[in-house]
């Protein structure tokens, strides 16, 4: 059975809260007992400017989020998420709610620790009966994380909802269901 990348990371994060794998400005990976310093984004991948969420700018937000992840630019990737992000992960039929801070930290850790990270998303607009005025995308996701010793491949469904915060479109809900 394939488990999503986030599940092992949730477990790993609880095992050793005192050990942090960080990357310095030269790209060197180091272990330290204090949290990693945030590195400035080195790319020009920024959130979409808008006053309202539309299908077009939601798709563009997903495109930029995917590009940031593939570039291993954790600052840009985390910047695509709402300050009030709701992350829900379905694991063995149970929903695990992950806090905004924990989810953003996990994205950062994955991108920094991976030697190579790739993700592909094929998204379709789906109506939401509970929120008919919101844009919701259902994405088929293929993710590959390569470390020095192995490669992990994941396939799952991801539902995304969006919000405008400070004049920029952000991902406000990520719901992940493994397949």
N, C-alpha and C. Protein backbone atom coordinates (compact mmCIF):
# COMPACT_ATOMS: atom_id res chain seq x y z
N UNK A 1 0.83 -1.18 0.00
CA UNK A 1 0.00 0.00 0.00
C UNK A 1 0.88 1.24 0.00
N UNK A 2 0.54 2.19 -0.85
CA UNK A 2 1.31 3.43 -0.89
C UNK A 2 0.74 4.42 0.10
N UNK A 3 1.59 5.01 0.88
CA UNK A 3 1.16 6.08 1.76
C UNK A 3 1.69 7.38 1.19
N UNK A 4 0.98 8.39 1.42
CA UNK A 4 1.40 9.69 0.92
C UNK A 4 2.67 10.14 1.60
N UNK A 5 3.40 10.96 0.90
CA UNK A 5 4.67 11.47 1.41
C UNK A 5 4.50 12.18 2.74
N UNK A 6 3.40 12.86 2.93
CA UNK A 6 3.20 13.63 4.15
C UNK A 6 3.10 12.74 5.38
N UNK A 7 2.55 11.54 5.24
CA UNK A 7 2.35 10.66 6.39
C UNK A 7 3.68 10.25 7.01
N UNK A 8 4.65 9.73 6.20
CA UNK A 8 5.93 9.40 6.82
C UNK A 8 6.62 10.63 7.43
N UNK A 9 6.39 11.78 6.81
CA UNK A 9 7.02 12.98 7.34
C UNK A 9 6.39 13.41 8.66
N UNK A 10 5.08 13.22 8.78
CA UNK A 10 4.45 13.52 10.07
C UNK A 10 5.04 12.64 11.15
N UNK A 11 5.22 11.35 10.84
CA UNK A 11 5.81 10.44 11.80
C UNK A 11 7.26 10.82 12.09
N UNK A 12 8.02 11.10 11.04
CA UNK A 12 9.44 11.42 11.22
C UNK A 12 9.61 12.71 12.02
N UNK A 13 8.72 13.66 11.80
CA UNK A 13 8.80 14.91 12.53
C UNK A 13 8.60 14.73 14.01
N UNK A 14 7.80 13.74 14.41
CA UNK A 14 7.55 13.53 15.82
C UNK A 14 8.66 12.72 16.48
N UNK A 15 9.46 12.01 15.69
CA UNK A 15 10.51 11.17 16.25
C UNK A 15 11.64 12.01 16.83
N UNK A 16 12.05 13.00 16.08
CA UNK A 16 13.19 13.79 16.54
C UNK A 16 12.95 15.26 16.31
N UNK A 17 12.30 15.89 17.24
CA UNK A 17 12.00 17.31 17.11
C UNK A 17 13.26 18.16 17.28
N UNK A 18 14.33 17.59 17.83
CA UNK A 18 15.53 18.35 18.11
C UNK A 18 16.54 18.32 16.97
N UNK A 19 16.29 17.57 15.89
CA UNK A 19 17.24 17.47 14.80
C UNK A 19 16.60 18.01 13.52
N UNK A 20 17.26 18.98 12.90
CA UNK A 20 16.73 19.62 11.70
C UNK A 20 17.73 19.49 10.56
N UNK A 21 17.25 19.02 9.40
CA UNK A 21 18.07 18.98 8.20
C UNK A 21 17.84 20.29 7.47
N UNK A 22 18.89 21.08 7.33
CA UNK A 22 18.78 22.41 6.74
C UNK A 22 19.71 22.53 5.53
N UNK A 23 19.42 23.50 4.69
CA UNK A 23 20.26 23.80 3.55
C UNK A 23 20.72 25.25 3.68
N UNK A 24 22.04 25.45 3.58
CA UNK A 24 22.54 26.82 3.69
C UNK A 24 22.48 27.51 2.33
N UNK A 25 22.90 28.75 2.27
CA UNK A 25 22.81 29.53 1.03
C UNK A 25 23.65 28.96 -0.10
N UNK A 26 24.65 28.15 0.22
CA UNK A 26 25.48 27.52 -0.79
C UNK A 26 24.90 26.19 -1.25
N UNK A 27 23.77 25.78 -0.66
CA UNK A 27 23.13 24.53 -1.04
C UNK A 27 23.62 23.32 -0.27
N UNK A 28 24.49 23.52 0.70
CA UNK A 28 25.03 22.43 1.50
C UNK A 28 24.00 22.02 2.56
N UNK A 29 23.75 20.70 2.68
CA UNK A 29 22.82 20.18 3.67
C UNK A 29 23.55 19.96 4.98
N UNK A 30 22.95 20.46 6.06
CA UNK A 30 23.55 20.33 7.39
C UNK A 30 22.47 19.95 8.39
N UNK A 31 22.87 19.23 9.44
CA UNK A 31 21.97 18.91 10.54
C UNK A 31 22.26 19.88 11.67
N UNK A 32 21.20 20.35 12.31
CA UNK A 32 21.38 21.25 13.44
C UNK A 32 20.24 21.04 14.42
N UNK A 33 20.46 21.49 15.67
CA UNK A 33 19.43 21.27 16.69
C UNK A 33 18.45 22.43 16.79
N UNK A 34 18.64 23.47 16.03
CA UNK A 34 17.70 24.59 16.00
C UNK A 34 16.96 24.59 14.66
N UNK A 35 15.77 25.17 14.61
CA UNK A 35 15.03 25.20 13.34
C UNK A 35 15.82 25.89 12.23
N UNK A 36 15.55 25.47 11.01
CA UNK A 36 16.24 26.03 9.85
C UNK A 36 15.84 27.48 9.65
N UNK A 37 16.79 28.29 9.27
CA UNK A 37 16.49 29.68 8.93
C UNK A 37 15.79 29.69 7.57
N UNK A 38 14.86 30.60 7.39
CA UNK A 38 14.18 30.72 6.11
C UNK A 38 15.15 31.33 5.10
N UNK A 39 15.19 30.71 3.93
CA UNK A 39 16.03 31.23 2.87
C UNK A 39 15.18 32.08 1.94
N UNK A 40 15.74 33.14 1.39
CA UNK A 40 14.96 33.94 0.46
C UNK A 40 14.68 33.15 -0.81
N UNK A 41 13.54 33.40 -1.40
CA UNK A 41 13.20 32.75 -2.66
C UNK A 41 14.15 33.24 -3.73
N UNK A 42 14.66 32.31 -4.52
CA UNK A 42 15.60 32.69 -5.57
C UNK A 42 14.91 32.75 -6.93
N UNK A 43 13.62 32.52 -6.95
CA UNK A 43 12.92 32.52 -8.23
C UNK A 43 11.99 33.71 -8.33
N UNK A 44 11.40 33.81 -9.47
CA UNK A 44 10.41 34.86 -9.70
C UNK A 44 9.00 34.28 -9.68
N UNK A 45 8.85 33.13 -9.02
CA UNK A 45 7.55 32.49 -8.91
C UNK A 45 6.81 33.15 -7.75
N UNK A 46 5.77 33.89 -8.09
CA UNK A 46 5.02 34.64 -7.09
C UNK A 46 3.53 34.38 -7.26
N UNK A 47 2.75 34.61 -6.22
CA UNK A 47 1.30 34.42 -6.34
C UNK A 47 0.68 35.32 -7.40
N UNK A 48 -0.45 34.89 -7.93
CA UNK A 48 -1.20 35.64 -8.94
C UNK A 48 -1.89 36.83 -8.28
N UNK A 49 -1.76 38.00 -8.86
CA UNK A 49 -2.46 39.20 -8.37
C UNK A 49 -3.89 39.16 -8.87
N UNK A 50 -4.84 39.41 -7.97
CA UNK A 50 -6.26 39.40 -8.37
C UNK A 50 -7.11 40.00 -7.25
N UNK A 51 -8.32 40.38 -7.63
CA UNK A 51 -9.28 40.87 -6.64
C UNK A 51 -10.35 39.82 -6.35
N UNK A 52 -10.45 38.80 -7.21
CA UNK A 52 -11.41 37.71 -7.03
C UNK A 52 -10.82 36.44 -7.64
N UNK A 53 -11.25 35.29 -7.13
CA UNK A 53 -10.79 34.02 -7.66
C UNK A 53 -11.63 33.66 -8.89
N UNK A 54 -10.95 33.32 -9.96
CA UNK A 54 -11.60 32.84 -11.17
C UNK A 54 -10.99 31.48 -11.54
N UNK A 55 -11.63 30.78 -12.45
CA UNK A 55 -11.05 29.52 -12.91
C UNK A 55 -9.66 29.75 -13.48
N UNK A 56 -9.50 30.81 -14.26
CA UNK A 56 -8.22 31.10 -14.90
C UNK A 56 -7.11 31.36 -13.88
N UNK A 57 -7.37 32.22 -12.88
CA UNK A 57 -6.28 32.50 -11.93
C UNK A 57 -6.08 31.37 -10.92
N UNK A 58 -7.11 30.53 -10.70
CA UNK A 58 -6.91 29.34 -9.87
C UNK A 58 -5.98 28.37 -10.58
N UNK A 59 -6.22 28.16 -11.88
CA UNK A 59 -5.33 27.28 -12.65
C UNK A 59 -3.91 27.83 -12.70
N UNK A 60 -3.78 29.14 -12.86
CA UNK A 60 -2.45 29.75 -12.89
C UNK A 60 -1.76 29.61 -11.53
N UNK A 61 -2.51 29.70 -10.46
CA UNK A 61 -1.94 29.51 -9.12
C UNK A 61 -1.40 28.09 -8.97
N UNK A 62 -2.17 27.10 -9.44
CA UNK A 62 -1.71 25.70 -9.38
C UNK A 62 -0.47 25.52 -10.25
N UNK A 63 -0.46 26.15 -11.41
CA UNK A 63 0.71 26.06 -12.30
C UNK A 63 1.96 26.62 -11.61
N UNK A 64 1.82 27.76 -10.95
CA UNK A 64 2.97 28.38 -10.25
C UNK A 64 3.37 27.57 -9.03
N UNK A 65 2.39 27.04 -8.30
CA UNK A 65 2.68 26.20 -7.14
C UNK A 65 3.47 24.97 -7.58
N UNK A 66 3.03 24.33 -8.66
CA UNK A 66 3.72 23.17 -9.21
C UNK A 66 5.13 23.54 -9.66
N UNK A 67 5.28 24.67 -10.33
CA UNK A 67 6.61 25.12 -10.78
C UNK A 67 7.53 25.36 -9.59
N UNK A 68 7.01 25.96 -8.53
CA UNK A 68 7.84 26.21 -7.34
C UNK A 68 8.28 24.89 -6.71
N UNK A 69 7.36 23.93 -6.63
CA UNK A 69 7.71 22.63 -6.06
C UNK A 69 8.77 21.94 -6.92
N UNK A 70 8.58 21.95 -8.25
CA UNK A 70 9.55 21.31 -9.14
C UNK A 70 10.91 22.00 -9.12
N UNK A 71 10.92 23.30 -8.84
CA UNK A 71 12.18 24.05 -8.73
C UNK A 71 12.81 23.89 -7.35
N UNK A 72 12.10 23.16 -6.46
CA UNK A 72 12.53 22.99 -5.07
C UNK A 72 12.68 24.34 -4.37
N UNK A 73 11.82 25.28 -4.76
CA UNK A 73 11.81 26.62 -4.16
C UNK A 73 10.75 26.62 -3.07
N UNK A 74 11.16 26.21 -1.87
CA UNK A 74 10.19 26.06 -0.79
C UNK A 74 9.59 27.40 -0.37
N UNK A 75 10.33 28.46 -0.48
CA UNK A 75 9.80 29.77 -0.10
C UNK A 75 8.66 30.16 -1.03
N UNK A 76 8.85 29.97 -2.34
CA UNK A 76 7.79 30.29 -3.30
C UNK A 76 6.61 29.34 -3.14
N UNK A 77 6.88 28.04 -2.94
CA UNK A 77 5.79 27.06 -2.79
C UNK A 77 4.94 27.39 -1.56
N UNK A 78 5.58 27.63 -0.44
CA UNK A 78 4.87 27.96 0.79
C UNK A 78 4.12 29.28 0.62
N UNK A 79 4.68 30.19 -0.16
CA UNK A 79 4.04 31.48 -0.40
C UNK A 79 2.74 31.39 -1.19
N UNK A 80 2.51 30.26 -1.85
CA UNK A 80 1.26 30.07 -2.60
C UNK A 80 0.11 29.66 -1.68
N UNK A 81 0.43 29.27 -0.46
CA UNK A 81 -0.59 28.80 0.48
C UNK A 81 -1.12 29.95 1.33
N UNK A 82 -2.39 29.86 1.63
CA UNK A 82 -3.04 30.84 2.49
C UNK A 82 -2.43 30.82 3.89
N UNK A 83 -2.49 31.93 4.55
CA UNK A 83 -2.09 31.99 5.95
C UNK A 83 -3.04 31.19 6.83
N UNK A 84 -4.20 30.85 6.26
CA UNK A 84 -5.21 30.08 6.97
C UNK A 84 -5.47 28.75 6.27
N UNK A 85 -4.43 28.20 5.68
CA UNK A 85 -4.53 26.95 4.92
C UNK A 85 -5.16 25.84 5.75
N UNK A 86 -6.08 25.12 5.13
CA UNK A 86 -6.65 23.92 5.74
C UNK A 86 -6.11 22.74 4.95
N UNK A 87 -5.34 21.89 5.59
CA UNK A 87 -4.78 20.72 4.93
C UNK A 87 -5.39 19.47 5.54
N UNK A 88 -6.03 18.67 4.70
CA UNK A 88 -6.67 17.44 5.14
C UNK A 88 -6.10 16.30 4.31
N UNK A 89 -5.63 15.27 4.99
CA UNK A 89 -5.04 14.12 4.31
C UNK A 89 -5.83 12.88 4.70
N UNK A 90 -6.29 12.14 3.70
CA UNK A 90 -7.03 10.90 3.94
C UNK A 90 -6.01 9.77 4.04
N UNK A 91 -5.96 9.11 5.20
CA UNK A 91 -5.04 8.00 5.44
C UNK A 91 -5.86 6.82 5.94
N UNK A 92 -5.85 5.75 5.15
CA UNK A 92 -6.57 4.53 5.51
C UNK A 92 -8.01 4.83 5.91
N UNK A 93 -8.68 5.67 5.13
CA UNK A 93 -10.08 5.97 5.36
C UNK A 93 -10.36 7.00 6.44
N UNK A 94 -9.34 7.54 7.05
CA UNK A 94 -9.52 8.55 8.10
C UNK A 94 -8.90 9.87 7.66
N UNK A 95 -9.58 10.96 7.99
CA UNK A 95 -9.07 12.29 7.65
C UNK A 95 -8.14 12.76 8.75
N UNK A 96 -6.93 13.14 8.36
CA UNK A 96 -5.96 13.71 9.29
C UNK A 96 -5.86 15.20 8.95
N UNK A 97 -6.19 16.04 9.91
CA UNK A 97 -6.08 17.49 9.72
C UNK A 97 -4.68 17.93 10.12
N UNK A 98 -4.03 18.64 9.23
CA UNK A 98 -2.66 19.09 9.47
C UNK A 98 -2.70 20.61 9.58
N UNK A 99 -2.09 21.16 10.61
CA UNK A 99 -2.12 22.61 10.82
C UNK A 99 -1.39 23.32 9.68
N UNK A 100 -1.73 24.58 9.50
CA UNK A 100 -1.09 25.41 8.48
C UNK A 100 0.42 25.41 8.65
N UNK A 101 0.87 25.65 9.85
CA UNK A 101 2.31 25.72 10.12
C UNK A 101 2.98 24.38 9.84
N UNK A 102 2.37 23.29 10.30
CA UNK A 102 2.96 21.97 10.09
C UNK A 102 3.02 21.61 8.62
N UNK A 103 1.96 21.91 7.86
CA UNK A 103 1.95 21.57 6.44
C UNK A 103 3.02 22.37 5.69
N UNK A 104 3.14 23.65 5.98
CA UNK A 104 4.15 24.48 5.32
C UNK A 104 5.56 24.01 5.68
N UNK A 105 5.77 23.63 6.93
CA UNK A 105 7.08 23.12 7.35
C UNK A 105 7.38 21.81 6.64
N UNK A 106 6.38 20.95 6.48
CA UNK A 106 6.59 19.68 5.78
C UNK A 106 6.94 19.91 4.32
N UNK A 107 6.25 20.84 3.65
CA UNK A 107 6.61 21.16 2.26
C UNK A 107 8.06 21.61 2.18
N UNK A 108 8.43 22.49 3.10
CA UNK A 108 9.81 23.00 3.12
C UNK A 108 10.80 21.86 3.33
N UNK A 109 10.54 20.99 4.29
CA UNK A 109 11.45 19.87 4.59
C UNK A 109 11.59 18.92 3.41
N UNK A 110 10.48 18.59 2.77
CA UNK A 110 10.52 17.68 1.63
C UNK A 110 11.39 18.26 0.52
N UNK A 111 11.16 19.53 0.19
CA UNK A 111 11.90 20.13 -0.91
C UNK A 111 13.38 20.30 -0.60
N UNK A 112 13.70 20.60 0.63
CA UNK A 112 15.10 20.77 1.02
C UNK A 112 15.81 19.42 1.08
N UNK A 113 15.15 18.41 1.61
CA UNK A 113 15.79 17.10 1.81
C UNK A 113 15.92 16.29 0.53
N UNK A 114 15.01 16.47 -0.42
CA UNK A 114 15.02 15.66 -1.64
C UNK A 114 16.19 16.07 -2.55
N UNK A 115 16.84 15.08 -3.12
CA UNK A 115 17.84 15.37 -4.14
C UNK A 115 17.16 15.83 -5.42
N UNK A 116 16.00 15.21 -5.71
CA UNK A 116 15.21 15.60 -6.87
C UNK A 116 13.75 15.43 -6.51
N UNK A 117 12.96 16.43 -6.85
CA UNK A 117 11.53 16.39 -6.59
C UNK A 117 10.80 16.77 -7.87
N UNK A 118 9.82 15.97 -8.27
CA UNK A 118 8.99 16.32 -9.42
C UNK A 118 7.53 16.03 -9.09
N UNK A 119 6.67 16.88 -9.60
CA UNK A 119 5.24 16.69 -9.42
C UNK A 119 4.54 17.13 -10.70
N UNK A 120 3.52 16.38 -11.07
CA UNK A 120 2.66 16.72 -12.20
C UNK A 120 1.24 16.74 -11.70
N UNK A 121 0.46 17.74 -12.14
CA UNK A 121 -0.95 17.83 -11.76
C UNK A 121 -1.78 17.98 -13.02
N UNK A 122 -2.83 17.17 -13.11
CA UNK A 122 -3.82 17.29 -14.17
C UNK A 122 -5.12 17.67 -13.47
N UNK A 123 -5.54 18.93 -13.61
CA UNK A 123 -6.66 19.45 -12.82
C UNK A 123 -7.88 19.76 -13.68
N UNK A 124 -9.03 19.50 -13.07
CA UNK A 124 -10.32 19.82 -13.68
C UNK A 124 -11.15 20.61 -12.68
N UNK A 125 -11.94 21.55 -13.19
CA UNK A 125 -12.86 22.28 -12.32
C UNK A 125 -14.01 21.35 -11.97
N UNK A 126 -14.35 21.30 -10.69
CA UNK A 126 -15.49 20.50 -10.25
C UNK A 126 -16.40 21.39 -9.41
N UNK A 127 -17.70 21.26 -9.60
CA UNK A 127 -18.62 22.06 -8.80
C UNK A 127 -18.64 21.60 -7.35
N UNK A 128 -18.85 22.52 -6.46
CA UNK A 128 -18.96 22.21 -5.04
C UNK A 128 -20.37 22.62 -4.61
N UNK A 129 -21.20 21.63 -4.32
CA UNK A 129 -22.59 21.91 -3.95
C UNK A 129 -22.68 22.77 -2.69
N UNK A 130 -21.74 22.60 -1.76
CA UNK A 130 -21.78 23.36 -0.52
C UNK A 130 -21.29 24.80 -0.70
N UNK A 131 -20.45 25.02 -1.70
CA UNK A 131 -19.87 26.35 -1.95
C UNK A 131 -19.93 26.66 -3.45
N UNK A 132 -21.11 26.89 -3.99
CA UNK A 132 -21.25 27.03 -5.45
C UNK A 132 -20.52 28.24 -6.02
N UNK A 133 -20.19 29.21 -5.20
CA UNK A 133 -19.51 30.41 -5.71
C UNK A 133 -18.00 30.30 -5.66
N UNK A 134 -17.49 29.21 -5.12
CA UNK A 134 -16.04 29.02 -5.02
C UNK A 134 -15.51 28.17 -6.17
N UNK A 135 -14.30 28.47 -6.59
CA UNK A 135 -13.63 27.65 -7.60
C UNK A 135 -12.92 26.51 -6.88
N UNK A 136 -13.19 25.31 -7.34
CA UNK A 136 -12.56 24.13 -6.77
C UNK A 136 -11.96 23.31 -7.91
N UNK A 137 -10.72 22.89 -7.74
CA UNK A 137 -10.07 22.04 -8.74
C UNK A 137 -9.84 20.66 -8.13
N UNK A 138 -10.08 19.64 -8.94
CA UNK A 138 -9.74 18.27 -8.56
C UNK A 138 -8.58 17.87 -9.45
N UNK A 139 -7.46 17.54 -8.82
CA UNK A 139 -6.24 17.24 -9.57
C UNK A 139 -5.82 15.79 -9.36
N UNK A 140 -5.38 15.16 -10.44
CA UNK A 140 -4.72 13.87 -10.38
C UNK A 140 -3.23 14.21 -10.27
N UNK A 141 -2.60 13.73 -9.22
CA UNK A 141 -1.22 14.13 -8.94
C UNK A 141 -0.29 12.93 -9.04
N UNK A 142 0.84 13.15 -9.71
CA UNK A 142 1.94 12.18 -9.74
C UNK A 142 3.14 12.89 -9.15
N UNK A 143 3.69 12.29 -8.10
CA UNK A 143 4.79 12.91 -7.36
C UNK A 143 5.94 11.93 -7.26
N UNK A 144 7.15 12.41 -7.43
CA UNK A 144 8.34 11.58 -7.30
C UNK A 144 9.36 12.32 -6.44
N UNK A 145 9.85 11.63 -5.42
CA UNK A 145 10.84 12.21 -4.51
C UNK A 145 12.04 11.28 -4.52
N UNK A 146 13.18 11.83 -4.95
CA UNK A 146 14.40 11.03 -5.02
C UNK A 146 15.38 11.51 -3.96
N UNK A 147 15.85 10.54 -3.17
CA UNK A 147 16.92 10.82 -2.21
C UNK A 147 18.17 10.13 -2.72
N UNK A 148 19.22 10.20 -1.97
CA UNK A 148 20.47 9.58 -2.41
C UNK A 148 20.38 8.06 -2.49
N UNK A 149 19.42 7.46 -1.78
CA UNK A 149 19.35 6.00 -1.74
C UNK A 149 18.14 5.40 -2.45
N UNK A 150 17.07 6.16 -2.65
CA UNK A 150 15.89 5.59 -3.28
C UNK A 150 14.98 6.67 -3.84
N UNK A 151 14.03 6.20 -4.64
CA UNK A 151 13.02 7.08 -5.22
C UNK A 151 11.65 6.59 -4.76
N UNK A 152 10.83 7.53 -4.32
CA UNK A 152 9.46 7.22 -3.91
C UNK A 152 8.52 7.87 -4.91
N UNK A 153 7.59 7.08 -5.44
CA UNK A 153 6.59 7.60 -6.37
C UNK A 153 5.22 7.49 -5.74
N UNK A 154 4.43 8.54 -5.89
CA UNK A 154 3.10 8.60 -5.30
C UNK A 154 2.11 9.06 -6.36
N UNK A 155 0.90 8.54 -6.27
CA UNK A 155 -0.20 8.98 -7.11
C UNK A 155 -1.40 9.18 -6.20
N UNK A 156 -2.04 10.33 -6.31
CA UNK A 156 -3.18 10.61 -5.44
C UNK A 156 -4.06 11.70 -6.05
N UNK A 157 -5.24 11.85 -5.47
CA UNK A 157 -6.17 12.91 -5.84
C UNK A 157 -6.01 14.05 -4.86
N UNK A 158 -6.15 15.27 -5.39
CA UNK A 158 -5.97 16.46 -4.56
C UNK A 158 -7.07 17.45 -4.92
N UNK A 159 -7.83 17.89 -3.93
CA UNK A 159 -8.85 18.93 -4.13
C UNK A 159 -8.27 20.23 -3.61
N UNK A 160 -8.39 21.27 -4.41
CA UNK A 160 -7.85 22.57 -4.03
C UNK A 160 -8.95 23.62 -4.09
N UNK A 161 -8.98 24.49 -3.08
CA UNK A 161 -9.85 25.66 -3.08
C UNK A 161 -8.97 26.87 -2.87
N UNK A 162 -9.47 28.02 -3.25
CA UNK A 162 -8.65 29.23 -3.31
C UNK A 162 -9.31 30.40 -2.61
N UNK A 163 -8.48 31.38 -2.24
CA UNK A 163 -8.96 32.62 -1.64
C UNK A 163 -8.04 33.75 -2.09
N UNK A 164 -8.54 34.97 -2.06
CA UNK A 164 -7.70 36.14 -2.32
C UNK A 164 -7.31 36.71 -0.97
N UNK A 165 -6.01 36.83 -0.75
CA UNK A 165 -5.46 37.43 0.47
C UNK A 165 -4.46 38.49 0.06
N UNK A 166 -4.64 39.69 0.55
CA UNK A 166 -3.73 40.80 0.24
C UNK A 166 -3.55 40.98 -1.27
N UNK A 167 -4.65 40.80 -2.02
CA UNK A 167 -4.60 41.01 -3.46
C UNK A 167 -3.94 39.90 -4.26
N UNK A 168 -3.76 38.73 -3.64
CA UNK A 168 -3.11 37.60 -4.32
C UNK A 168 -3.93 36.33 -4.11
N UNK A 169 -3.99 35.49 -5.15
CA UNK A 169 -4.71 34.22 -5.06
C UNK A 169 -3.82 33.22 -4.32
N UNK A 170 -4.39 32.62 -3.29
CA UNK A 170 -3.67 31.62 -2.48
C UNK A 170 -4.50 30.35 -2.39
N UNK A 171 -3.81 29.24 -2.17
CA UNK A 171 -4.49 27.97 -1.94
C UNK A 171 -4.97 27.98 -0.49
N UNK A 172 -6.29 27.84 -0.30
CA UNK A 172 -6.80 27.90 1.08
C UNK A 172 -7.17 26.52 1.62
N UNK A 173 -7.43 25.55 0.74
CA UNK A 173 -7.74 24.19 1.19
C UNK A 173 -7.01 23.20 0.28
N UNK A 174 -6.32 22.28 0.90
CA UNK A 174 -5.71 21.15 0.20
C UNK A 174 -6.28 19.90 0.85
N UNK A 175 -6.96 19.11 0.06
CA UNK A 175 -7.49 17.84 0.56
C UNK A 175 -6.87 16.74 -0.28
N UNK A 176 -6.11 15.86 0.36
CA UNK A 176 -5.38 14.82 -0.34
C UNK A 176 -5.97 13.46 -0.02
N UNK A 177 -6.25 12.69 -1.07
CA UNK A 177 -6.78 11.34 -0.91
C UNK A 177 -5.90 10.41 -1.73
N UNK A 178 -5.28 9.43 -1.07
CA UNK A 178 -4.42 8.47 -1.77
C UNK A 178 -5.22 7.53 -2.64
N UNK A 179 -4.58 7.06 -3.71
CA UNK A 179 -5.23 6.07 -4.58
C UNK A 179 -4.35 4.85 -4.69
